[in-house]
């Protein structure tokens, strides 16, 4: 039986709007050195770095996984009933 390997499934890069500082090239290089079979890019509210990430991962023998962290709002949140619902359920995972 082979030893289990670790894969980062949450990585915010330099392209993440408010909380990413990791450079894509550095993250992919570190994953390759650690012999990770795959790495996920999950920037906040965008996928601007996806092509750069995909090319760097493939070039280093790491399987690229694309993801994105998003927020969802109810259309009715501006009416009284929608505001009450938003207070009860501030964040709903998708």
C-alpha atoms as a PDB file:
ATOM      1  CA  UNK A   1       0.000   0.000   0.000  1.00  0.00           C
ATOM      2  CA  UNK A   2       1.328   3.439  -0.885  1.00  0.00           C
ATOM      3  CA  UNK A   3       1.620   6.160   1.703  1.00  0.00           C
ATOM      4  CA  UNK A   4      -1.208   8.725   1.604  1.00  0.00           C
ATOM      5  CA  UNK A   5      -0.262  12.089   0.172  1.00  0.00           C
ATOM      6  CA  UNK A   6      -1.384  15.567   1.202  1.00  0.00           C
ATOM      7  CA  UNK A   7      -3.077  18.031  -1.146  1.00  0.00           C
ATOM      8  CA  UNK A   8      -3.840  21.677  -0.323  1.00  0.00           C
ATOM      9  CA  UNK A   9      -7.455  22.298  -1.301  1.00  0.00           C
ATOM     10  CA  UNK A  10      -7.579  25.919  -0.156  1.00  0.00           C
ATOM     11  CA  UNK A  11      -4.985  28.327  -1.494  1.00  0.00           C
ATOM     12  CA  UNK A  12      -5.498  32.067  -1.871  1.00  0.00           C
ATOM     13  CA  UNK A  13      -2.874  33.521  -4.193  1.00  0.00           C
ATOM     14  CA  UNK A  14      -1.644  36.986  -5.028  1.00  0.00           C
ATOM     15  CA  UNK A  15      -4.782  37.334  -7.165  1.00  0.00           C
ATOM     16  CA  UNK A  16      -7.149  36.925  -4.207  1.00  0.00           C
ATOM     17  CA  UNK A  17      -8.744  40.315  -3.660  1.00  0.00           C
ATOM     18  CA  UNK A  18      -8.348  40.814   0.098  1.00  0.00           C
ATOM     19  CA  UNK A  19      -6.315  38.072   1.706  1.00  0.00           C
ATOM     20  CA  UNK A  20      -3.825  36.442  -0.625  1.00  0.00           C
ATOM     21  CA  UNK A  21      -0.079  37.006  -0.531  1.00  0.00           C
ATOM     22  CA  UNK A  22       1.213  33.704  -1.912  1.00  0.00           C
ATOM     23  CA  UNK A  23       2.826  33.871  -5.340  1.00  0.00           C
ATOM     24  CA  UNK A  24       1.514  31.180  -7.682  1.00  0.00           C
ATOM     25  CA  UNK A  25       4.967  30.176  -8.939  1.00  0.00           C
ATOM     26  CA  UNK A  26       6.264  29.811  -5.360  1.00  0.00           C
ATOM     27  CA  UNK A  27       3.248  27.742  -4.262  1.00  0.00           C
ATOM     28  CA  UNK A  28       3.498  25.375  -7.227  1.00  0.00           C
ATOM     29  CA  UNK A  29       7.263  24.990  -6.777  1.00  0.00           C
ATOM     30  CA  UNK A  30       6.781  24.158  -3.085  1.00  0.00           C
ATOM     31  CA  UNK A  31       4.097  21.600  -3.966  1.00  0.00           C
ATOM     32  CA  UNK A  32       6.423  19.973  -6.494  1.00  0.00           C
ATOM     33  CA  UNK A  33       9.302  19.827  -3.986  1.00  0.00           C
ATOM     34  CA  UNK A  34       6.952  18.241  -1.422  1.00  0.00           C
ATOM     35  CA  UNK A  35       5.826  15.764  -4.111  1.00  0.00           C
ATOM     36  CA  UNK A  36       2.160  16.730  -3.830  1.00  0.00           C
ATOM     37  CA  UNK A  37       0.151  15.088  -6.579  1.00  0.00           C
ATOM     38  CA  UNK A  38      -2.212  18.068  -6.877  1.00  0.00           C
ATOM     39  CA  UNK A  39      -2.841  21.616  -5.670  1.00  0.00           C
ATOM     40  CA  UNK A  40      -6.032  23.692  -5.619  1.00  0.00           C
ATOM     41  CA  UNK A  41      -6.270  27.421  -6.299  1.00  0.00           C
ATOM     42  CA  UNK A  42      -9.302  28.920  -4.524  1.00  0.00           C
ATOM     43  CA  UNK A  43      -8.948  32.685  -4.771  1.00  0.00           C
ATOM     44  CA  UNK A  44     -11.558  34.944  -3.242  1.00  0.00           C
ATOM     45  CA  UNK A  45     -14.283  36.076  -5.680  1.00  0.00           C
ATOM     46  CA  UNK A  46     -12.260  35.664  -8.884  1.00  0.00           C
ATOM     47  CA  UNK A  47     -10.218  33.331 -11.034  1.00  0.00           C
ATOM     48  CA  UNK A  48      -7.774  35.822 -12.523  1.00  0.00           C
ATOM     49  CA  UNK A  49      -4.747  33.660 -11.719  1.00  0.00           C
ATOM     50  CA  UNK A  50      -6.180  30.410 -13.053  1.00  0.00           C
ATOM     51  CA  UNK A  51      -4.312  30.288 -16.382  1.00  0.00           C
ATOM     52  CA  UNK A  52      -0.980  31.141 -14.759  1.00  0.00           C
ATOM     53  CA  UNK A  53      -1.673  28.528 -12.063  1.00  0.00           C
ATOM     54  CA  UNK A  54      -2.668  25.855 -14.581  1.00  0.00           C
ATOM     55  CA  UNK A  55       0.432  26.369 -16.734  1.00  0.00           C
ATOM     56  CA  UNK A  56       2.793  26.433 -13.734  1.00  0.00           C
ATOM     57  CA  UNK A  57       1.243  23.337 -12.170  1.00  0.00           C
ATOM     58  CA  UNK A  58       1.350  21.316 -15.397  1.00  0.00           C
ATOM     59  CA  UNK A  59       4.960  22.364 -16.026  1.00  0.00           C
ATOM     60  CA  UNK A  60       5.936  21.120 -12.546  1.00  0.00           C
ATOM     61  CA  UNK A  61       4.034  17.813 -12.683  1.00  0.00           C
ATOM     62  CA  UNK A  62       1.335  18.911 -10.238  1.00  0.00           C
ATOM     63  CA  UNK A  63      -2.338  18.350 -11.067  1.00  0.00           C
ATOM     64  CA  UNK A  64      -4.118  21.745 -10.990  1.00  0.00           C
ATOM     65  CA  UNK A  65      -7.511  21.950  -9.262  1.00  0.00           C
ATOM     66  CA  UNK A  66      -9.590  25.082  -9.904  1.00  0.00           C
ATOM     67  CA  UNK A  67     -11.899  26.507  -7.265  1.00  0.00           C
ATOM     68  CA  UNK A  68     -13.250  29.838  -6.083  1.00  0.00           C
ATOM     69  CA  UNK A  69     -14.614  31.217  -2.810  1.00  0.00           C
ATOM     70  CA  UNK A  70     -17.847  33.131  -3.417  1.00  0.00           C
ATOM     71  CA  UNK A  71     -20.655  34.758  -1.478  1.00  0.00           C
ATOM     72  CA  UNK A  72     -24.339  34.449  -2.171  1.00  0.00           C
ATOM     73  CA  UNK A  73     -27.028  36.996  -1.330  1.00  0.00           C
ATOM     74  CA  UNK A  74     -30.778  36.715  -1.497  1.00  0.00           C
ATOM     75  CA  UNK A  75     -32.466  39.043  -3.954  1.00  0.00           C
ATOM     76  CA  UNK A  76     -35.058  39.806  -1.295  1.00  0.00           C
ATOM     77  CA  UNK A  77     -32.527  40.895   1.303  1.00  0.00           C
ATOM     78  CA  UNK A  78     -33.559  44.533   0.814  1.00  0.00           C
ATOM     79  CA  UNK A  79     -37.117  43.890   1.991  1.00  0.00           C
ATOM     80  CA  UNK A  80     -37.973  43.324   5.663  1.00  0.00           C
ATOM     81  CA  UNK A  81     -38.429  39.557   5.323  1.00  0.00           C
ATOM     82  CA  UNK A  82     -35.146  39.215   3.444  1.00  0.00           C
ATOM     83  CA  UNK A  83     -33.261  41.178   6.121  1.00  0.00           C
ATOM     84  CA  UNK A  84     -34.686  38.917   8.839  1.00  0.00           C
ATOM     85  CA  UNK A  85     -33.609  35.860   6.887  1.00  0.00           C
ATOM     86  CA  UNK A  86     -30.120  37.290   6.342  1.00  0.00           C
ATOM     87  CA  UNK A  87     -29.747  37.850  10.101  1.00  0.00           C
ATOM     88  CA  UNK A  88     -30.705  34.230  10.790  1.00  0.00           C
ATOM     89  CA  UNK A  89     -28.469  32.772   8.074  1.00  0.00           C
ATOM     90  CA  UNK A  90     -25.533  35.182   7.548  1.00  0.00           C
ATOM     91  CA  UNK A  91     -23.492  32.750   5.434  1.00  0.00           C
ATOM     92  CA  UNK A  92     -24.831  29.826   3.467  1.00  0.00           C
ATOM     93  CA  UNK A  93     -22.222  27.572   1.834  1.00  0.00           C
ATOM     94  CA  UNK A  94     -22.825  26.656  -1.787  1.00  0.00           C
END
